Amino acid sequence: MTETNTTTPPPVTETNTTIPPVIDTNTTLPEGTVMYEDASEGNTSKWTTFKADVNSTITNVYAADKQSNVIQVQTVGKTNAYYVLGEKKSGWADIDTNTIQWDMKVSNAFKITVYIRSANGLRELKYSDSNTPSNGLAYGLGSVVKDGVWRSFERNIAVDLDKAEPGNTLVSINGFRIDFLYAGNISVDNIALLTTDEGTDVTPPTIIVKDGSEITVNQGSTYRAYATAQDSRDGNVAVTISGDTVSVDATTRVVDTATIGTYTITYTATDSTGNEATATQIIHVI
């Protein structure tokens, strides 16, 4: 007589059914911030594409170097743009703040457009990787920002509008757009409007050093130190240059490269309320 095994087999356990939580560790934005995109919902439903082709993508991805989900746009062409909430005329229609902020990681040429309504009609403020601080409604953030490192940007739109069109005033901020100038990808996060106390300014300017925080030059060569500074309320702010360990002409910005060694230059910018920012640049003379 053959004994039949009547033991009930163990139940099949399904694995990998847990969806990893969307992580966003960027929780230090000021109280009163109106967040329009922090990628925490795990999708791209807030975005509308404009002039997109089949080779363009917009995805919500986890960025290990930021420890949060972010929005990433990518294209192989030059005529593609993406913008959040997609309405030039109304969109967010936020009338309670003058300031927009965003985080961005980029290695290629770009242009950010902020849609606004002004007292004189609709306007588009442009922010790009140009080294020209301002040109009409266009502002340069500096080519150094294309270093593939996460950076935070904050712009007082009312100040930038007034500098471009003196006397024109901001009515509302309506939207945010990314334009590609060449093939590449751009990651963004924490696109927000900041509700701040206009009577209190405690934010120092942001200094952008043209050639980055460290550079190598040849002995006896001509090198001119250069940096720009942007303040969220004052716009462009003057930068002073001093050499902590090397001689640098404050007027011509020419650095003394006569002696081989490692030297430091300090850049300083102060806004109209006295908030001071400094940045250093290490120069290796070989």
C-alpha atoms as a PDB file:
ATOM      1  CA  MET A   1       0.000   0.000   0.000  1.00  0.00           C
ATOM      2  CA  THR A   2       1.397   3.300  -1.050  1.00  0.00           C
ATOM      3  CA  GLU A   3       1.082   6.116   1.467  1.00  0.00           C
ATOM      4  CA  THR A   4      -0.019   9.372  -0.064  1.00  0.00           C
ATOM      5  CA  ASN A   5       1.525  12.565   1.283  1.00  0.00           C
ATOM      6  CA  THR A   6      -1.448  14.608   2.348  1.00  0.00           C
ATOM      7  CA  THR A   7       0.543  17.445   3.877  1.00  0.00           C
ATOM      8  CA  THR A   8      -0.747  20.768   2.618  1.00  0.00           C
ATOM      9  CA  PRO A   9       2.014  22.608   0.770  1.00  0.00           C
ATOM     10  CA  PRO A  10       3.054  25.968   2.237  1.00  0.00           C
ATOM     11  CA  PRO A  11       1.325  28.965   0.716  1.00  0.00           C
ATOM     12  CA  VAL A  12       3.067  30.778  -2.069  1.00  0.00           C
ATOM     13  CA  THR A  13       4.454  34.045  -0.759  1.00  0.00           C
ATOM     14  CA  GLU A  14       4.502  36.885  -3.221  1.00  0.00           C
ATOM     15  CA  THR A  15       7.601  39.012  -2.900  1.00  0.00           C
ATOM     16  CA  ASN A  16       8.508  42.495  -4.041  1.00  0.00           C
ATOM     17  CA  THR A  17       4.992  43.802  -3.666  1.00  0.00           C
ATOM     18  CA  THR A  18       5.911  46.699  -1.424  1.00  0.00           C
ATOM     19  CA  ILE A  19       6.313  49.936  -3.287  1.00  0.00           C
ATOM     20  CA  PRO A  20       9.187  51.948  -1.797  1.00  0.00           C
ATOM     21  CA  PRO A  21       7.921  55.116  -0.182  1.00  0.00           C
ATOM     22  CA  VAL A  22       8.618  58.399  -1.870  1.00  0.00           C
ATOM     23  CA  ILE A  23      11.253  60.098   0.218  1.00  0.00           C
ATOM     24  CA  ASP A  24      11.716  63.824   0.482  1.00  0.00           C
ATOM     25  CA  THR A  25      14.116  65.090   3.123  1.00  0.00           C
ATOM     26  CA  ASN A  26      13.870  68.704   2.028  1.00  0.00           C
ATOM     27  CA  THR A  27      11.708  69.963   4.853  1.00  0.00           C
ATOM     28  CA  THR A  28      13.562  73.152   5.755  1.00  0.00           C
ATOM     29  CA  LEU A  29      11.670  75.592   3.544  1.00  0.00           C
ATOM     30  CA  PRO A  30      10.316  78.654   5.364  1.00  0.00           C
ATOM     31  CA  GLU A  31       6.924  78.620   7.031  1.00  0.00           C
ATOM     32  CA  GLY A  32       4.241  79.855   4.659  1.00  0.00           C
ATOM     33  CA  THR A  33       5.882  78.311   1.579  1.00  0.00           C
ATOM     34  CA  VAL A  34       3.446  77.388  -1.194  1.00  0.00           C
ATOM     35  CA  MET A  35       4.934  74.253  -2.746  1.00  0.00           C
ATOM     36  CA  TYR A  36       4.066  73.615  -6.390  1.00  0.00           C
ATOM     37  CA  GLU A  37       6.396  70.691  -7.058  1.00  0.00           C
ATOM     38  CA  ASP A  38       8.514  68.625  -4.696  1.00  0.00           C
ATOM     39  CA  ALA A  39       8.009  65.339  -6.593  1.00  0.00           C
ATOM     40  CA  SER A  40       6.667  63.722  -3.421  1.00  0.00           C
ATOM     41  CA  GLU A  41       3.566  62.423  -5.212  1.00  0.00           C
ATOM     42  CA  GLY A  42       5.740  60.173  -7.368  1.00  0.00           C
ATOM     43  CA  ASN A  43       4.325  61.325 -10.713  1.00  0.00           C
ATOM     44  CA  THR A  44       4.527  64.115 -13.301  1.00  0.00           C
ATOM     45  CA  SER A  45       0.822  64.929 -13.437  1.00  0.00           C
ATOM     46  CA  LYS A  46       1.386  68.634 -12.735  1.00  0.00           C
ATOM     47  CA  TRP A  47       3.512  69.105 -15.845  1.00  0.00           C
ATOM     48  CA  THR A  48       2.430  69.917 -19.378  1.00  0.00           C
ATOM     49  CA  THR A  49       4.838  69.498 -22.282  1.00  0.00           C
ATOM     50  CA  PHE A  50       5.297  72.146 -24.940  1.00  0.00           C
ATOM     51  CA  LYS A  51       7.023  71.569 -28.305  1.00  0.00           C
ATOM     52  CA  ALA A  52       7.845  68.047 -27.194  1.00  0.00           C
ATOM     53  CA  ASP A  53       8.878  65.241 -29.557  1.00  0.00           C
ATOM     54  CA  VAL A  54       8.922  61.469 -29.180  1.00  0.00           C
ATOM     55  CA  ASN A  55      12.506  61.527 -27.921  1.00  0.00           C
ATOM     56  CA  SER A  56      11.694  63.823 -25.016  1.00  0.00           C
ATOM     57  CA  THR A  57      10.880  62.461 -21.584  1.00  0.00           C
ATOM     58  CA  ILE A  58       9.708  63.829 -18.267  1.00  0.00           C
ATOM     59  CA  THR A  59       9.952  61.481 -15.306  1.00  0.00           C
ATOM     60  CA  ASN A  60       9.671  61.403 -11.531  1.00  0.00           C
ATOM     61  CA  VAL A  61      12.808  59.681 -10.239  1.00  0.00           C
ATOM     62  CA  TYR A  62      14.601  59.100  -6.967  1.00  0.00           C
ATOM     63  CA  ALA A  63      17.858  61.088  -6.759  1.00  0.00           C
ATOM     64  CA  ALA A  64      20.292  59.444  -4.369  1.00  0.00           C
ATOM     65  CA  ASP A  65      22.477  62.556  -4.225  1.00  0.00           C
ATOM     66  CA  LYS A  66      19.498  64.574  -2.970  1.00  0.00           C
ATOM     67  CA  GLN A  67      17.784  61.803  -1.007  1.00  0.00           C
ATOM     68  CA  SER A  68      14.420  62.692  -2.480  1.00  0.00           C
ATOM     69  CA  ASN A  69      12.295  62.225  -5.536  1.00  0.00           C
ATOM     70  CA  VAL A  70      12.821  64.879  -8.214  1.00  0.00           C
ATOM     71  CA  ILE A  71      11.489  65.796 -11.628  1.00  0.00           C
ATOM     72  CA  GLN A  72      13.837  65.032 -14.504  1.00  0.00           C
ATOM     73  CA  VAL A  73      13.339  66.266 -18.054  1.00  0.00           C
ATOM     74  CA  GLN A  74      15.457  65.044 -20.929  1.00  0.00           C
ATOM     75  CA  THR A  75      15.674  65.636 -24.669  1.00  0.00           C
ATOM     76  CA  VAL A  76      17.859  64.769 -27.628  1.00  0.00           C
ATOM     77  CA  GLY A  77      16.715  67.802 -29.601  1.00  0.00           C
ATOM     78  CA  LYS A  78      16.858  71.579 -29.204  1.00  0.00           C
ATOM     79  CA  THR A  79      13.239  72.687 -29.564  1.00  0.00           C
ATOM     80  CA  ASN A  80      11.715  71.246 -26.420  1.00  0.00           C
ATOM     81  CA  ALA A  81      10.350  72.909 -23.332  1.00  0.00           C
ATOM     82  CA  TYR A  82       8.456  71.804 -20.249  1.00  0.00           C
ATOM     83  CA  TYR A  83       6.445  73.887 -17.861  1.00  0.00           C
ATOM     84  CA  VAL A  84       4.530  73.253 -14.686  1.00  0.00           C
ATOM     85  CA  LEU A  85       0.788  73.991 -14.567  1.00  0.00           C
ATOM     86  CA  GLY A  86       1.059  75.218 -18.111  1.00  0.00           C
ATOM     87  CA  GLU A  87      -0.854  78.492 -18.119  1.00  0.00           C
ATOM     88  CA  LYS A  88       0.824  81.752 -19.040  1.00  0.00           C
ATOM     89  CA  LYS A  89      -2.170  83.957 -18.306  1.00  0.00           C
ATOM     90  CA  SER A  90      -3.420  82.658 -14.979  1.00  0.00           C
ATOM     91  CA  GLY A  91      -1.811  79.442 -13.753  1.00  0.00           C
ATOM     92  CA  TRP A  92      -0.961  79.842 -10.088  1.00  0.00           C
ATOM     93  CA  ALA A  93      -2.187  83.466 -10.014  1.00  0.00           C
ATOM     94  CA  ASP A  94      -0.341  83.937  -6.739  1.00  0.00           C
ATOM     95  CA  ILE A  95      -0.604  87.526  -5.540  1.00  0.00           C
ATOM     96  CA  ASP A  96       0.709  86.984  -2.013  1.00  0.00           C
ATOM     97  CA  THR A  97       4.444  86.702  -2.647  1.00  0.00           C
ATOM     98  CA  ASN A  98       7.209  88.212  -4.732  1.00  0.00           C
ATOM     99  CA  THR A  99       9.693  85.388  -4.408  1.00  0.00           C
ATOM    100  CA  ILE A 100      10.146  82.073  -6.221  1.00  0.00           C
ATOM    101  CA  GLN A 101      12.643  79.386  -5.357  1.00  0.00           C
ATOM    102  CA  TRP A 102      13.713  76.118  -6.934  1.00  0.00           C
ATOM    103  CA  ASP A 103      16.432  73.470  -6.672  1.00  0.00           C
ATOM    104  CA  MET A 104      18.175  72.429  -9.867  1.00  0.00           C
ATOM    105  CA  LYS A 105      20.893  70.097 -11.107  1.00  0.00           C
ATOM    106  CA  VAL A 106      22.109  70.731 -14.646  1.00  0.00           C
ATOM    107  CA  SER A 107      25.177  70.191 -16.822  1.00  0.00           C
ATOM    108  CA  ASN A 108      24.008  71.723 -20.103  1.00  0.00           C
ATOM    109  CA  ALA A 109      22.709  75.049 -21.392  1.00  0.00           C
ATOM    110  CA  PHE A 110      19.262  75.931 -20.078  1.00  0.00           C
ATOM    111  CA  LYS A 111      16.691  78.648 -19.661  1.00  0.00           C
ATOM    112  CA  ILE A 112      14.135  78.952 -16.859  1.00  0.00           C
ATOM    113  CA  THR A 113      11.039  81.051 -17.563  1.00  0.00           C
ATOM    114  CA  VAL A 114       8.813  82.463 -14.834  1.00  0.00           C
ATOM    115  CA  TYR A 115       5.387  83.525 -16.104  1.00  0.00           C
ATOM    116  CA  ILE A 116       4.026  86.629 -14.421  1.00  0.00           C
ATOM    117  CA  ARG A 117       1.294  89.215 -14.756  1.00  0.00           C
ATOM    118  CA  SER A 118       2.507  92.760 -14.283  1.00  0.00           C
ATOM    119  CA  ALA A 119       0.716  96.096 -14.104  1.00  0.00           C
ATOM    120  CA  ASN A 120       1.629  96.500 -17.765  1.00  0.00           C
ATOM    121  CA  GLY A 121       0.509  93.053 -18.886  1.00  0.00           C
ATOM    122  CA  LEU A 122       1.893  89.512 -19.137  1.00  0.00           C
ATOM    123  CA  ARG A 123       5.658  89.118 -18.908  1.00  0.00           C
ATOM    124  CA  GLU A 124       8.172  86.281 -19.039  1.00  0.00           C
ATOM    125  CA  LEU A 125      11.283  86.578 -16.889  1.00  0.00           C
ATOM    126  CA  LYS A 126      14.168  84.430 -18.138  1.00  0.00           C
ATOM    127  CA  TYR A 127      16.994  82.928 -16.091  1.00  0.00           C
ATOM    128  CA  SER A 128      19.816  81.156 -17.907  1.00  0.00           C
ATOM    129  CA  ASP A 129      23.406  79.943 -17.603  1.00  0.00           C
ATOM    130  CA  SER A 130      24.688  83.232 -19.040  1.00  0.00           C
ATOM    131  CA  ASN A 131      27.464  85.140 -17.273  1.00  0.00           C
ATOM    132  CA  THR A 132      25.719  88.430 -18.119  1.00  0.00           C
ATOM    133  CA  PRO A 133      23.965  89.481 -14.879  1.00  0.00           C
ATOM    134  CA  SER A 134      20.993  91.089 -16.626  1.00  0.00           C
ATOM    135  CA  ASN A 135      19.725  92.033 -20.062  1.00  0.00           C
ATOM    136  CA  GLY A 136      16.166  93.309 -20.176  1.00  0.00           C
ATOM    137  CA  LEU A 137      13.869  90.604 -18.837  1.00  0.00           C
ATOM    138  CA  ALA A 138      16.735  88.075 -18.964  1.00  0.00           C
ATOM    139  CA  TYR A 139      19.051  87.359 -16.049  1.00  0.00           C
ATOM    140  CA  GLY A 140      22.219  85.266 -16.064  1.00  0.00           C
ATOM    141  CA  LEU A 141      22.747  82.849 -13.196  1.00  0.00           C
ATOM    142  CA  GLY A 142      26.337  82.183 -14.298  1.00  0.00           C
ATOM    143  CA  SER A 143      27.884  79.371 -16.316  1.00  0.00           C
ATOM    144  CA  VAL A 144      29.285  77.856 -13.126  1.00  0.00           C
ATOM    145  CA  VAL A 145      25.812  76.551 -12.224  1.00  0.00           C
ATOM    146  CA  LYS A 146      26.181  73.951 -14.999  1.00  0.00           C
ATOM    147  CA  ASP A 147      28.450  71.853 -12.803  1.00  0.00           C
ATOM    148  CA  GLY A 148      26.081  68.934 -12.285  1.00  0.00           C
ATOM    149  CA  VAL A 149      25.634  69.748  -8.590  1.00  0.00           C
ATOM    150  CA  TRP A 150      22.340  70.453  -6.831  1.00  0.00           C
ATOM    151  CA  ARG A 151      21.925  74.189  -6.245  1.00  0.00           C
ATOM    152  CA  SER A 152      19.104  76.245  -4.727  1.00  0.00           C
ATOM    153  CA  PHE A 153      17.928  79.421  -6.448  1.00  0.00           C
ATOM    154  CA  GLU A 154      15.794  82.212  -5.020  1.00  0.00           C
ATOM    155  CA  ARG A 155      14.603  85.222  -7.031  1.00  0.00           C
ATOM    156  CA  ASN A 156      12.570  88.220  -5.987  1.00  0.00           C
ATOM    157  CA  ILE A 157      10.438  88.578  -9.104  1.00  0.00           C
ATOM    158  CA  ALA A 158       9.226  92.069  -8.186  1.00  0.00           C
ATOM    159  CA  VAL A 159      12.832  93.307  -7.950  1.00  0.00           C
ATOM    160  CA  ASP A 160      13.871  91.635 -11.212  1.00  0.00           C
ATOM    161  CA  LEU A 161      10.840  93.074 -13.020  1.00  0.00           C
ATOM    162  CA  ASP A 162      11.499  96.581 -11.734  1.00  0.00           C
ATOM    163  CA  LYS A 163      15.153  96.420 -12.797  1.00  0.00           C
ATOM    164  CA  ALA A 164      14.127  95.365 -16.303  1.00  0.00           C
ATOM    165  CA  GLU A 165      11.151  97.732 -16.580  1.00  0.00           C
ATOM    166  CA  PRO A 166      11.504 100.521 -13.990  1.00  0.00           C
ATOM    167  CA  GLY A 167       8.134 101.457 -12.541  1.00  0.00           C
ATOM    168  CA  ASN A 168       6.372  98.283 -13.639  1.00  0.00           C
ATOM    169  CA  THR A 169       4.986  96.288 -10.714  1.00  0.00           C
ATOM    170  CA  LEU A 170       4.265  92.632 -10.125  1.00  0.00           C
ATOM    171  CA  VAL A 171       0.620  91.509  -9.933  1.00  0.00           C
ATOM    172  CA  SER A 172       0.964  87.720  -9.753  1.00  0.00           C
ATOM    173  CA  ILE A 173       3.338  84.823 -10.359  1.00  0.00           C
ATOM    174  CA  ASN A 174       1.734  82.286 -12.654  1.00  0.00           C
ATOM    175  CA  GLY A 175       4.084  79.467 -13.613  1.00  0.00           C
ATOM    176  CA  PHE A 176       7.537  77.957 -14.129  1.00  0.00           C
ATOM    177  CA  ARG A 177       8.991  76.597 -17.358  1.00  0.00           C
ATOM    178  CA  ILE A 178      12.187  74.819 -18.397  1.00  0.00           C
ATOM    179  CA  ASP A 179      13.556  75.399 -21.898  1.00  0.00           C
ATOM    180  CA  PHE A 180      16.253  73.254 -23.472  1.00  0.00           C
ATOM    181  CA  LEU A 181      18.809  74.998 -25.642  1.00  0.00           C
ATOM    182  CA  TYR A 182      20.680  71.794 -26.487  1.00  0.00           C
ATOM    183  CA  ALA A 183      20.272  68.087 -25.874  1.00  0.00           C
ATOM    184  CA  GLY A 184      20.642  67.027 -22.270  1.00  0.00           C
ATOM    185  CA  ASN A 185      18.761  66.591 -19.030  1.00  0.00           C
ATOM    186  CA  ILE A 186      17.774  68.830 -16.143  1.00  0.00           C
ATOM    187  CA  SER A 187      16.550  67.816 -12.703  1.00  0.00           C
ATOM    188  CA  VAL A 188      14.429  70.124 -10.547  1.00  0.00           C
ATOM    189  CA  ASP A 189      12.858  69.948  -7.121  1.00  0.00           C
ATOM    190  CA  ASN A 190      11.150  72.165  -4.534  1.00  0.00           C
ATOM    191  CA  ILE A 191       9.624  74.669  -6.939  1.00  0.00           C
ATOM    192  CA  ALA A 192       7.861  76.982  -4.529  1.00  0.00           C
ATOM    193  CA  LEU A 193       6.637  80.490  -3.841  1.00  0.00           C
ATOM    194  CA  LEU A 194       7.818  81.936  -0.553  1.00  0.00           C
ATOM    195  CA  THR A 195       5.535  83.957   1.670  1.00  0.00           C
ATOM    196  CA  THR A 196       7.983  86.100   3.626  1.00  0.00           C
ATOM    197  CA  ASP A 197       7.887  89.153   5.847  1.00  0.00           C
ATOM    198  CA  GLU A 198       8.777  91.953   3.463  1.00  0.00           C
ATOM    199  CA  GLY A 199      10.045  94.032   6.365  1.00  0.00           C
ATOM    200  CA  THR A 200      12.689  91.514   7.408  1.00  0.00           C
ATOM    201  CA  ASP A 201      15.521  90.486   5.126  1.00  0.00           C
ATOM    202  CA  VAL A 202      17.940  88.000   6.650  1.00  0.00           C
ATOM    203  CA  THR A 203      19.018  86.250   3.448  1.00  0.00           C
ATOM    204  CA  PRO A 204      22.508  87.115   2.150  1.00  0.00           C
ATOM    205  CA  PRO A 205      23.277  87.321  -1.575  1.00  0.00           C
ATOM    206  CA  THR A 206      24.320  84.250  -3.540  1.00  0.00           C
ATOM    207  CA  ILE A 207      27.827  84.472  -5.001  1.00  0.00           C
ATOM    208  CA  ILE A 208      28.657  82.556  -8.157  1.00  0.00           C
ATOM    209  CA  VAL A 209      32.378  82.266  -8.939  1.00  0.00           C
ATOM    210  CA  LYS A 210      32.976  82.166 -12.686  1.00  0.00           C
ATOM    211  CA  ASP A 211      35.486  79.303 -12.780  1.00  0.00           C
ATOM    212  CA  GLY A 212      34.298  77.459  -9.716  1.00  0.00           C
ATOM    213  CA  SER A 213      35.783  77.039  -6.259  1.00  0.00           C
ATOM    214  CA  GLU A 214      39.088  75.580  -7.423  1.00  0.00           C
ATOM    215  CA  ILE A 215      41.178  76.161 -10.542  1.00  0.00           C
ATOM    216  CA  THR A 216      44.671  75.421 -11.874  1.00  0.00           C
ATOM    217  CA  VAL A 217      46.616  77.988 -13.919  1.00  0.00           C
ATOM    218  CA  ASN A 218      50.121  78.103 -15.371  1.00  0.00           C
ATOM    219  CA  GLN A 219      52.866  80.106 -13.747  1.00  0.00           C
ATOM    220  CA  GLY A 220      53.154  83.535 -15.338  1.00  0.00           C
ATOM    221  CA  SER A 221      49.816  83.300 -17.131  1.00  0.00           C
ATOM    222  CA  THR A 222      47.140  85.976 -16.933  1.00  0.00           C
ATOM    223  CA  TYR A 223      44.144  85.038 -14.838  1.00  0.00           C
ATOM    224  CA  ARG A 224      41.328  87.399 -13.922  1.00  0.00           C
ATOM    225  CA  ALA A 225      39.217  86.501 -10.923  1.00  0.00           C
ATOM    226  CA  TYR A 226      35.515  87.092 -11.445  1.00  0.00           C
ATOM    227  CA  ALA A 227      32.268  86.421  -9.615  1.00  0.00           C
ATOM    228  CA  THR A 228      28.701  87.703  -9.673  1.00  0.00           C
ATOM    229  CA  ALA A 229      26.224  88.007  -6.822  1.00  0.00           C
ATOM    230  CA  GLN A 230      22.436  87.920  -6.848  1.00  0.00           C
ATOM    231  CA  ASP A 231      20.207  88.934  -3.960  1.00  0.00           C
ATOM    232  CA  SER A 232      16.578  87.849  -3.678  1.00  0.00           C
ATOM    233  CA  ARG A 233      15.485  91.461  -3.069  1.00  0.00           C
ATOM    234  CA  ASP A 234      18.244  93.669  -4.491  1.00  0.00           C
ATOM    235  CA  GLY A 235      18.954  91.673  -7.639  1.00  0.00           C
ATOM    236  CA  ASN A 236      22.544  92.193  -8.801  1.00  0.00           C
ATOM    237  CA  VAL A 237      24.932  93.020  -5.948  1.00  0.00           C
ATOM    238  CA  ALA A 238      28.518  94.264  -6.275  1.00  0.00           C
ATOM    239  CA  VAL A 239      31.310  91.808  -5.463  1.00  0.00           C
ATOM    240  CA  THR A 240      34.601  92.841  -3.893  1.00  0.00           C
ATOM    241  CA  ILE A 241      37.726  90.733  -4.373  1.00  0.00           C
ATOM    242  CA  SER A 242      40.660  90.251  -2.035  1.00  0.00           C
ATOM    243  CA  GLY A 243      43.569  87.864  -1.952  1.00  0.00           C
ATOM    244  CA  ASP A 244      44.055  86.080   1.346  1.00  0.00           C
ATOM    245  CA  THR A 245      47.287  84.410   0.258  1.00  0.00           C
ATOM    246  CA  VAL A 246      47.954  85.888  -3.181  1.00  0.00           C
ATOM    247  CA  SER A 247      48.027  89.385  -4.635  1.00  0.00           C
ATOM    248  CA  VAL A 248      45.001  90.313  -6.746  1.00  0.00           C
ATOM    249  CA  ASP A 249      44.303  93.732  -8.243  1.00  0.00           C
ATOM    250  CA  ALA A 250      40.904  94.911  -6.981  1.00  0.00           C
ATOM    251  CA  THR A 251      40.270  96.922 -10.154  1.00  0.00           C
ATOM    252  CA  THR A 252      41.572  94.709 -12.966  1.00  0.00           C
ATOM    253  CA  ARG A 253      41.014  91.453 -10.994  1.00  0.00           C
ATOM    254  CA  VAL A 254      44.381  90.175 -12.311  1.00  0.00           C
ATOM    255  CA  VAL A 255      45.892  87.536 -10.025  1.00  0.00           C
ATOM    256  CA  ASP A 256      49.649  87.421  -9.350  1.00  0.00           C
ATOM    257  CA  THR A 257      50.729  84.074 -10.818  1.00  0.00           C
ATOM    258  CA  ALA A 258      54.481  84.701 -10.671  1.00  0.00           C
ATOM    259  CA  THR A 259      55.142  82.101  -7.974  1.00  0.00           C
ATOM    260  CA  ILE A 260      54.212  78.442  -8.002  1.00  0.00           C
ATOM    261  CA  GLY A 261      51.940  77.512  -5.121  1.00  0.00           C
ATOM    262  CA  THR A 262      48.363  77.234  -3.870  1.00  0.00           C
ATOM    263  CA  TYR A 263      46.531  80.460  -3.103  1.00  0.00           C
ATOM    264  CA  THR A 264      43.111  81.663  -1.962  1.00  0.00           C
ATOM    265  CA  ILE A 265      40.916  84.472  -3.236  1.00  0.00           C
ATOM    266  CA  THR A 266      37.930  85.723  -1.251  1.00  0.00           C
ATOM    267  CA  TYR A 267      34.805  87.219  -2.848  1.00  0.00           C
ATOM    268  CA  THR A 268      32.453  89.305  -0.713  1.00  0.00           C
ATOM    269  CA  ALA A 269      28.972  90.679  -1.445  1.00  0.00           C
ATOM    270  CA  THR A 270      26.686  92.686   0.827  1.00  0.00           C
ATOM    271  CA  ASP A 271      23.038  93.520   0.190  1.00  0.00           C
ATOM    272  CA  SER A 272      21.245  96.767   1.050  1.00  0.00           C
ATOM    273  CA  THR A 273      20.233  95.539   4.512  1.00  0.00           C
ATOM    274  CA  GLY A 274      23.741  94.468   5.470  1.00  0.00           C
ATOM    275  CA  ASN A 275      23.528  90.719   4.892  1.00  0.00           C
ATOM    276  CA  GLU A 276      27.005  89.615   3.836  1.00  0.00           C
ATOM    277  CA  ALA A 277      28.080  86.587   1.828  1.00  0.00           C
ATOM    278  CA  THR A 278      31.589  85.320   1.099  1.00  0.00           C
ATOM    279  CA  ALA A 279      32.958  82.708  -1.265  1.00  0.00           C
ATOM    280  CA  THR A 280      36.501  81.452  -1.672  1.00  0.00           C
ATOM    281  CA  GLN A 281      38.390  80.194  -4.685  1.00  0.00           C
ATOM    282  CA  ILE A 282      41.514  78.053  -4.482  1.00  0.00           C
ATOM    283  CA  ILE A 283      44.068  78.784  -7.225  1.00  0.00           C
ATOM    284  CA  HIS A 284      46.852  76.300  -7.954  1.00  0.00           C
ATOM    285  CA  VAL A 285      49.731  77.924  -9.820  1.00  0.00           C
ATOM    286  CA  ILE A 286      51.863  75.271 -11.536  1.00  0.00           C
END
